[in-house]
Amino acid sequence: MGATLVSYVQAASAITASPNITYVTGCIAIARLTIGGGTNPTAGGIVDGVNPYNVWFLADRTFASSVYGGTGIEIWYCVPGNIGTGPLYAVVGGGSVSYSSAVYAVFSGVAPTTPLDTHTTGIGFISNPSIALAVNFADMVVAAYITNASTPGSWSNMTDILDPGSTYPSLGYADTSSAGTFTETMSGGSGGSYGGVVASFKLLSLPVFNPQVGAFLVGI
């Protein structure tokens, strides 16, 4: 089972407003925000356009001072109590709207009560960055990166929400197969500064892993 991506939207050119997002019954919404052009810029929050509105919470954030003059990256989440369709407005604090962007994704299969499990961040300069996160079995892991590398690379073990084949990842997700350490990694990238946020969310049920067709056991 695990998490299922229901829909996603991306702010066209600025973080201030997004195309309409549609909440469905039993879903959780995740946002990846990047805020550029400032000294430790942050998003003051996400304003929900659904009436009555839903409340968004910050999972974690970090600041990459060497990426495009300083870029903040954040993951937010929302368990909507009100179902409907409407725009989202992200409030930018201390940054520039023209250097900011947002991706919003809606998932089913995630626990609606206290869904956030674990989270961490990372910054540095490396060609293929990775961030390790302690997780539980039956978690959905989401990760967001920002980098100034000439070749950003792609997720090594996650699905990209916007374009799985893109060389510029936006927001990746994966279900965990075991409790322990989940290491999100990039591959195929060139050297550059990066900042990343990784968070896990509790699933309603355990993921189902099907054995490869034709597999067999030997020596039992």
C-alpha atoms as a PDB file:
ATOM      1  CA  MET A   1       0.000   0.000   0.000  1.00  0.00           C
ATOM      2  CA  GLY A   2       1.997   3.002   1.242  1.00  0.00           C
ATOM      3  CA  ALA A   3       1.612   6.583   0.066  1.00  0.00           C
ATOM      4  CA  THR A   4      -0.009   7.494  -3.241  1.00  0.00           C
ATOM      5  CA  LEU A   5       0.591  10.799  -5.002  1.00  0.00           C
ATOM      6  CA  VAL A   6      -2.853  12.240  -5.745  1.00  0.00           C
ATOM      7  CA  SER A   7      -1.936  15.553  -7.397  1.00  0.00           C
ATOM      8  CA  TYR A   8       0.619  18.348  -7.405  1.00  0.00           C
ATOM      9  CA  VAL A   9       0.919  21.974  -8.462  1.00  0.00           C
ATOM     10  CA  GLN A  10       3.860  24.332  -8.899  1.00  0.00           C
ATOM     11  CA  ALA A  11       3.912  28.088  -8.463  1.00  0.00           C
ATOM     12  CA  ALA A  12       4.432  29.367 -11.994  1.00  0.00           C
ATOM     13  CA  SER A  13       7.011  32.083 -11.388  1.00  0.00           C
ATOM     14  CA  ALA A  14       6.839  33.218  -7.777  1.00  0.00           C
ATOM     15  CA  ILE A  15       6.202  31.816  -4.372  1.00  0.00           C
ATOM     16  CA  THR A  16       3.404  34.220  -3.476  1.00  0.00           C
ATOM     17  CA  ALA A  17       0.598  32.369  -5.241  1.00  0.00           C
ATOM     18  CA  SER A  18       0.109  28.890  -6.647  1.00  0.00           C
ATOM     19  CA  PRO A  19      -2.403  27.419  -9.037  1.00  0.00           C
ATOM     20  CA  ASN A  20      -5.372  25.873  -7.271  1.00  0.00           C
ATOM     21  CA  ILE A  21      -4.728  22.863  -5.072  1.00  0.00           C
ATOM     22  CA  THR A  22      -7.424  20.250  -4.457  1.00  0.00           C
ATOM     23  CA  TYR A  23      -7.685  18.534  -1.107  1.00  0.00           C
ATOM     24  CA  VAL A  24      -9.312  15.104  -1.058  1.00  0.00           C
ATOM     25  CA  THR A  25     -10.725  13.177   1.871  1.00  0.00           C
ATOM     26  CA  GLY A  26      -8.039  11.585   4.048  1.00  0.00           C
ATOM     27  CA  CYS A  27      -5.123  13.296   2.314  1.00  0.00           C
ATOM     28  CA  ILE A  28      -2.018  15.104   3.483  1.00  0.00           C
ATOM     29  CA  ALA A  29      -0.474  18.005   1.545  1.00  0.00           C
ATOM     30  CA  ILE A  30       3.276  18.682   1.390  1.00  0.00           C
ATOM     31  CA  ALA A  31       4.966  21.895   0.244  1.00  0.00           C
ATOM     32  CA  ARG A  32       8.538  22.497  -0.867  1.00  0.00           C
ATOM     33  CA  LEU A  33       9.434  26.191  -0.643  1.00  0.00           C
ATOM     34  CA  THR A  34      12.672  27.804  -1.786  1.00  0.00           C
ATOM     35  CA  ILE A  35      13.211  31.442  -0.849  1.00  0.00           C
ATOM     36  CA  GLY A  36      16.155  33.260  -2.429  1.00  0.00           C
ATOM     37  CA  GLY A  37      17.749  36.687  -2.514  1.00  0.00           C
ATOM     38  CA  GLY A  38      18.282  37.386   1.165  1.00  0.00           C
ATOM     39  CA  THR A  39      20.169  36.763   4.385  1.00  0.00           C
ATOM     40  CA  ASN A  40      18.573  33.632   5.808  1.00  0.00           C
ATOM     41  CA  PRO A  41      15.227  34.258   4.090  1.00  0.00           C
ATOM     42  CA  THR A  42      12.252  32.274   5.363  1.00  0.00           C
ATOM     43  CA  ALA A  43       8.604  31.782   4.565  1.00  0.00           C
ATOM     44  CA  GLY A  44       6.410  33.271   7.220  1.00  0.00           C
ATOM     45  CA  GLY A  45       3.737  30.699   6.490  1.00  0.00           C
ATOM     46  CA  ILE A  46       1.312  29.327   3.922  1.00  0.00           C
ATOM     47  CA  VAL A  47      -2.140  30.876   3.642  1.00  0.00           C
ATOM     48  CA  ASP A  48      -4.813  28.452   2.488  1.00  0.00           C
ATOM     49  CA  GLY A  49      -7.306  29.642  -0.131  1.00  0.00           C
ATOM     50  CA  VAL A  50      -9.920  27.021   0.720  1.00  0.00           C
ATOM     51  CA  ASN A  51     -12.873  28.447   2.622  1.00  0.00           C
ATOM     52  CA  PRO A  52     -12.878  27.709   5.495  1.00  0.00           C
ATOM     53  CA  TYR A  53      -9.088  27.575   5.435  1.00  0.00           C
ATOM     54  CA  ASN A  54      -6.733  24.782   6.488  1.00  0.00           C
ATOM     55  CA  VAL A  55      -3.617  25.232   8.649  1.00  0.00           C
ATOM     56  CA  TRP A  56      -0.092  24.456   7.433  1.00  0.00           C
ATOM     57  CA  PHE A  57       2.845  23.523   9.697  1.00  0.00           C
ATOM     58  CA  LEU A  58       6.613  23.759   9.176  1.00  0.00           C
ATOM     59  CA  ALA A  59       8.376  20.366   9.147  1.00  0.00           C
ATOM     60  CA  ASP A  60      11.921  21.767   8.907  1.00  0.00           C
ATOM     61  CA  ARG A  61      14.023  24.396   7.141  1.00  0.00           C
ATOM     62  CA  THR A  62      17.654  25.169   6.349  1.00  0.00           C
ATOM     63  CA  PHE A  63      19.651  27.985   4.751  1.00  0.00           C
ATOM     64  CA  ALA A  64      22.305  27.510   2.061  1.00  0.00           C
ATOM     65  CA  SER A  65      24.322  30.736   2.186  1.00  0.00           C
ATOM     66  CA  SER A  66      26.407  29.867  -0.898  1.00  0.00           C
ATOM     67  CA  VAL A  67      23.512  28.990  -3.225  1.00  0.00           C
ATOM     68  CA  TYR A  68      22.487  31.923  -5.424  1.00  0.00           C
ATOM     69  CA  GLY A  69      23.513  34.519  -2.866  1.00  0.00           C
ATOM     70  CA  GLY A  70      21.681  32.727  -0.051  1.00  0.00           C
ATOM     71  CA  THR A  71      18.647  30.474  -0.393  1.00  0.00           C
ATOM     72  CA  GLY A  72      16.305  29.045   2.203  1.00  0.00           C
ATOM     73  CA  ILE A  73      14.615  25.692   1.657  1.00  0.00           C
ATOM     74  CA  GLU A  74      11.634  24.453   3.659  1.00  0.00           C
ATOM     75  CA  ILE A  75       9.167  21.565   3.859  1.00  0.00           C
ATOM     76  CA  TRP A  76       5.644  22.315   5.133  1.00  0.00           C
ATOM     77  CA  TYR A  77       2.660  20.000   5.608  1.00  0.00           C
ATOM     78  CA  CYS A  78      -1.082  20.188   6.114  1.00  0.00           C
ATOM     79  CA  VAL A  79      -3.738  17.679   7.160  1.00  0.00           C
ATOM     80  CA  PRO A  80      -6.830  19.389   5.778  1.00  0.00           C
ATOM     81  CA  GLY A  81      -9.954  19.404   7.847  1.00  0.00           C
ATOM     82  CA  ASN A  82     -11.800  21.125   5.037  1.00  0.00           C
ATOM     83  CA  ILE A  83     -11.974  19.527   1.597  1.00  0.00           C
ATOM     84  CA  GLY A  84     -12.084  21.696  -1.491  1.00  0.00           C
ATOM     85  CA  THR A  85     -10.121  23.544  -4.162  1.00  0.00           C
ATOM     86  CA  GLY A  86      -8.346  26.874  -3.870  1.00  0.00           C
ATOM     87  CA  PRO A  87      -5.008  28.699  -4.251  1.00  0.00           C
ATOM     88  CA  LEU A  88      -2.171  28.739  -1.725  1.00  0.00           C
ATOM     89  CA  TYR A  89      -0.229  31.852  -0.782  1.00  0.00           C
ATOM     90  CA  ALA A  90       3.229  31.559   0.754  1.00  0.00           C
ATOM     91  CA  VAL A  91       4.391  34.551   2.785  1.00  0.00           C
ATOM     92  CA  VAL A  92       8.006  35.454   2.029  1.00  0.00           C
ATOM     93  CA  GLY A  93      10.063  36.999   4.834  1.00  0.00           C
ATOM     94  CA  GLY A  94      13.428  38.650   4.198  1.00  0.00           C
ATOM     95  CA  GLY A  95      13.808  37.312   0.659  1.00  0.00           C
ATOM     96  CA  SER A  96      12.835  38.110  -2.892  1.00  0.00           C
ATOM     97  CA  VAL A  97       9.671  36.805  -4.521  1.00  0.00           C
ATOM     98  CA  SER A  98      11.369  36.712  -7.921  1.00  0.00           C
ATOM     99  CA  TYR A  99      13.985  34.233  -6.638  1.00  0.00           C
ATOM    100  CA  SER A 100      11.511  31.954  -4.890  1.00  0.00           C
ATOM    101  CA  SER A 101       9.409  28.965  -5.925  1.00  0.00           C
ATOM    102  CA  ALA A 102       7.005  26.410  -4.539  1.00  0.00           C
ATOM    103  CA  VAL A 103       5.819  22.875  -5.237  1.00  0.00           C
ATOM    104  CA  TYR A 104       2.698  21.488  -3.553  1.00  0.00           C
ATOM    105  CA  ALA A 105       1.816  17.791  -3.530  1.00  0.00           C
ATOM    106  CA  VAL A 106      -1.189  15.908  -2.171  1.00  0.00           C
ATOM    107  CA  PHE A 107      -0.837  12.307  -0.927  1.00  0.00           C
ATOM    108  CA  SER A 108      -3.244   9.660   0.257  1.00  0.00           C
ATOM    109  CA  GLY A 109      -2.295   6.845   2.633  1.00  0.00           C
ATOM    110  CA  VAL A 110      -0.552   9.052   5.207  1.00  0.00           C
ATOM    111  CA  ALA A 111      -1.682   9.095   8.834  1.00  0.00           C
ATOM    112  CA  PRO A 112      -3.987  12.084   9.459  1.00  0.00           C
ATOM    113  CA  THR A 113      -3.134  12.382  13.170  1.00  0.00           C
ATOM    114  CA  THR A 114       0.319  13.773  14.130  1.00  0.00           C
ATOM    115  CA  PRO A 115       1.746  12.662  10.767  1.00  0.00           C
ATOM    116  CA  LEU A 116       5.243  14.149  11.078  1.00  0.00           C
ATOM    117  CA  ASP A 117       7.666  11.488  12.311  1.00  0.00           C
ATOM    118  CA  THR A 118      11.310  12.566  11.896  1.00  0.00           C
ATOM    119  CA  HIS A 119      13.180  15.327  10.080  1.00  0.00           C
ATOM    120  CA  THR A 120      16.674  16.713   9.502  1.00  0.00           C
ATOM    121  CA  THR A 121      18.647  19.079   7.266  1.00  0.00           C
ATOM    122  CA  GLY A 122      22.024  19.327   5.567  1.00  0.00           C
ATOM    123  CA  ILE A 123      24.227  21.887   3.801  1.00  0.00           C
ATOM    124  CA  GLY A 124      27.645  21.656   2.186  1.00  0.00           C
ATOM    125  CA  PHE A 125      29.694  21.563  -1.008  1.00  0.00           C
ATOM    126  CA  ILE A 126      29.861  18.226  -2.791  1.00  0.00           C
ATOM    127  CA  SER A 127      29.064  16.734  -6.176  1.00  0.00           C
ATOM    128  CA  ASN A 128      26.513  14.158  -4.970  1.00  0.00           C
ATOM    129  CA  PRO A 129      25.111  15.174  -1.570  1.00  0.00           C
ATOM    130  CA  SER A 130      23.313  12.824   0.778  1.00  0.00           C
ATOM    131  CA  ILE A 131      21.373  13.286   4.000  1.00  0.00           C
ATOM    132  CA  ALA A 132      20.726  10.477   6.496  1.00  0.00           C
ATOM    133  CA  LEU A 133      17.475  10.347   8.453  1.00  0.00           C
ATOM    134  CA  ALA A 134      16.339   7.970  11.191  1.00  0.00           C
ATOM    135  CA  VAL A 135      12.986   6.513  10.102  1.00  0.00           C
ATOM    136  CA  ASN A 136      10.432   3.886  11.078  1.00  0.00           C
ATOM    137  CA  PHE A 137       8.986   1.188   8.870  1.00  0.00           C
ATOM    138  CA  ALA A 138       5.777   2.460   7.286  1.00  0.00           C
ATOM    139  CA  ASP A 139       7.040   6.019   6.825  1.00  0.00           C
ATOM    140  CA  MET A 140       6.848   8.162   3.712  1.00  0.00           C
ATOM    141  CA  VAL A 141      10.085  10.103   3.273  1.00  0.00           C
ATOM    142  CA  VAL A 142      10.115  13.396   1.384  1.00  0.00           C
ATOM    143  CA  ALA A 143      13.224  15.360   0.458  1.00  0.00           C
ATOM    144  CA  ALA A 144      13.934  18.746  -1.102  1.00  0.00           C
ATOM    145  CA  TYR A 145      17.239  20.154  -2.366  1.00  0.00           C
ATOM    146  CA  ILE A 146      18.517  23.414  -3.753  1.00  0.00           C
ATOM    147  CA  THR A 147      21.922  23.615  -5.447  1.00  0.00           C
ATOM    148  CA  ASN A 148      23.987  25.861  -7.690  1.00  0.00           C
ATOM    149  CA  ALA A 149      25.806  22.930  -9.333  1.00  0.00           C
ATOM    150  CA  SER A 150      26.011  23.173 -13.120  1.00  0.00           C
ATOM    151  CA  THR A 151      24.693  19.585 -13.252  1.00  0.00           C
ATOM    152  CA  PRO A 152      22.331  19.159 -10.290  1.00  0.00           C
ATOM    153  CA  GLY A 153      21.986  15.395 -10.621  1.00  0.00           C
ATOM    154  CA  SER A 154      18.913  13.304  -9.837  1.00  0.00           C
ATOM    155  CA  TRP A 155      17.449  11.290  -6.967  1.00  0.00           C
ATOM    156  CA  SER A 156      19.152   7.938  -6.431  1.00  0.00           C
ATOM    157  CA  ASN A 157      16.401   6.327  -4.386  1.00  0.00           C
ATOM    158  CA  MET A 158      13.329   8.541  -4.586  1.00  0.00           C
ATOM    159  CA  THR A 159      10.646   9.495  -7.112  1.00  0.00           C
ATOM    160  CA  ASP A 160      10.579  13.122  -8.199  1.00  0.00           C
ATOM    161  CA  ILE A 161       7.106  14.636  -8.033  1.00  0.00           C
ATOM    162  CA  LEU A 162       7.348  16.986 -11.001  1.00  0.00           C
ATOM    163  CA  ASP A 163       9.382  14.963 -13.447  1.00  0.00           C
ATOM    164  CA  PRO A 164      10.968  11.602 -12.558  1.00  0.00           C
ATOM    165  CA  GLY A 165      13.370  11.970 -15.489  1.00  0.00           C
ATOM    166  CA  SER A 166      14.395  15.536 -14.766  1.00  0.00           C
ATOM    167  CA  THR A 167      18.008  16.418 -14.001  1.00  0.00           C
ATOM    168  CA  TYR A 168      16.788  19.191 -11.686  1.00  0.00           C
ATOM    169  CA  PRO A 169      14.905  17.534  -8.815  1.00  0.00           C
ATOM    170  CA  SER A 170      12.110  19.322  -7.014  1.00  0.00           C
ATOM    171  CA  LEU A 171      10.504  17.245  -4.254  1.00  0.00           C
ATOM    172  CA  GLY A 172      11.244  13.524  -3.948  1.00  0.00           C
ATOM    173  CA  TYR A 173       9.363  10.860  -2.013  1.00  0.00           C
ATOM    174  CA  ALA A 174       9.710   7.177  -1.113  1.00  0.00           C
ATOM    175  CA  ASP A 175       8.164   4.648   1.269  1.00  0.00           C
ATOM    176  CA  THR A 176      10.505   3.021   3.789  1.00  0.00           C
ATOM    177  CA  SER A 177      11.114  -0.725   3.621  1.00  0.00           C
ATOM    178  CA  SER A 178      12.608  -1.028   7.123  1.00  0.00           C
ATOM    179  CA  ALA A 179      13.204   0.928  10.287  1.00  0.00           C
ATOM    180  CA  GLY A 180      16.643   2.428  10.772  1.00  0.00           C
ATOM    181  CA  THR A 181      18.504   4.967   8.651  1.00  0.00           C
ATOM    182  CA  PHE A 182      17.186   6.173   5.315  1.00  0.00           C
ATOM    183  CA  THR A 183      19.910   7.951   3.333  1.00  0.00           C
ATOM    184  CA  GLU A 184      18.642  10.210   0.593  1.00  0.00           C
ATOM    185  CA  THR A 185      21.295  10.504  -2.126  1.00  0.00           C
ATOM    186  CA  MET A 186      21.805  12.305  -5.410  1.00  0.00           C
ATOM    187  CA  SER A 187      23.770  10.968  -8.368  1.00  0.00           C
ATOM    188  CA  GLY A 188      25.177  12.299 -11.615  1.00  0.00           C
ATOM    189  CA  GLY A 189      25.734  15.811 -10.302  1.00  0.00           C
ATOM    190  CA  SER A 190      28.724  18.130 -10.539  1.00  0.00           C
ATOM    191  CA  GLY A 191      30.377  19.947  -7.647  1.00  0.00           C
ATOM    192  CA  GLY A 192      28.420  22.754  -6.031  1.00  0.00           C
ATOM    193  CA  SER A 193      26.905  24.111  -2.857  1.00  0.00           C
ATOM    194  CA  TYR A 194      23.626  22.624  -1.697  1.00  0.00           C
ATOM    195  CA  GLY A 195      21.022  22.749   1.025  1.00  0.00           C
ATOM    196  CA  GLY A 196      18.521  20.000   1.756  1.00  0.00           C
ATOM    197  CA  VAL A 197      15.612  19.122   4.009  1.00  0.00           C
ATOM    198  CA  VAL A 198      14.367  15.561   4.604  1.00  0.00           C
ATOM    199  CA  ALA A 199      11.286  14.589   6.613  1.00  0.00           C
ATOM    200  CA  SER A 200       9.324  11.391   7.207  1.00  0.00           C
ATOM    201  CA  PHE A 201       5.573  11.045   7.698  1.00  0.00           C
ATOM    202  CA  LYS A 202       3.682   8.116   9.195  1.00  0.00           C
ATOM    203  CA  LEU A 203       1.738   5.876   6.818  1.00  0.00           C
ATOM    204  CA  LEU A 204      -1.675   4.422   7.536  1.00  0.00           C
ATOM    205  CA  SER A 205      -0.578   0.933   6.500  1.00  0.00           C
ATOM    206  CA  LEU A 206       2.602  -0.970   5.706  1.00  0.00           C
ATOM    207  CA  PRO A 207       3.931  -0.754   2.155  1.00  0.00           C
ATOM    208  CA  VAL A 208       3.527  -3.918   0.112  1.00  0.00           C
ATOM    209  CA  PHE A 209       6.733  -5.244  -1.456  1.00  0.00           C
ATOM    210  CA  ASN A 210       6.257  -7.856  -4.170  1.00  0.00           C
ATOM    211  CA  PRO A 211       9.085 -10.333  -4.860  1.00  0.00           C
ATOM    212  CA  GLN A 212      10.543 -10.407  -8.322  1.00  0.00           C
ATOM    213  CA  VAL A 213       8.713 -12.734 -10.666  1.00  0.00           C
ATOM    214  CA  GLY A 214      10.589 -16.034 -10.976  1.00  0.00           C
ATOM    215  CA  ALA A 215      12.591 -15.567  -7.754  1.00  0.00           C
ATOM    216  CA  PHE A 216      13.310 -18.697  -5.762  1.00  0.00           C
ATOM    217  CA  LEU A 217      15.127 -19.783  -2.603  1.00  0.00           C
ATOM    218  CA  VAL A 218      18.126 -22.116  -2.621  1.00  0.00           C
ATOM    219  CA  GLY A 219      19.501 -24.349   0.131  1.00  0.00           C
ATOM    220  CA  ILE A 220      16.487 -24.417   2.426  1.00  0.00           C
END
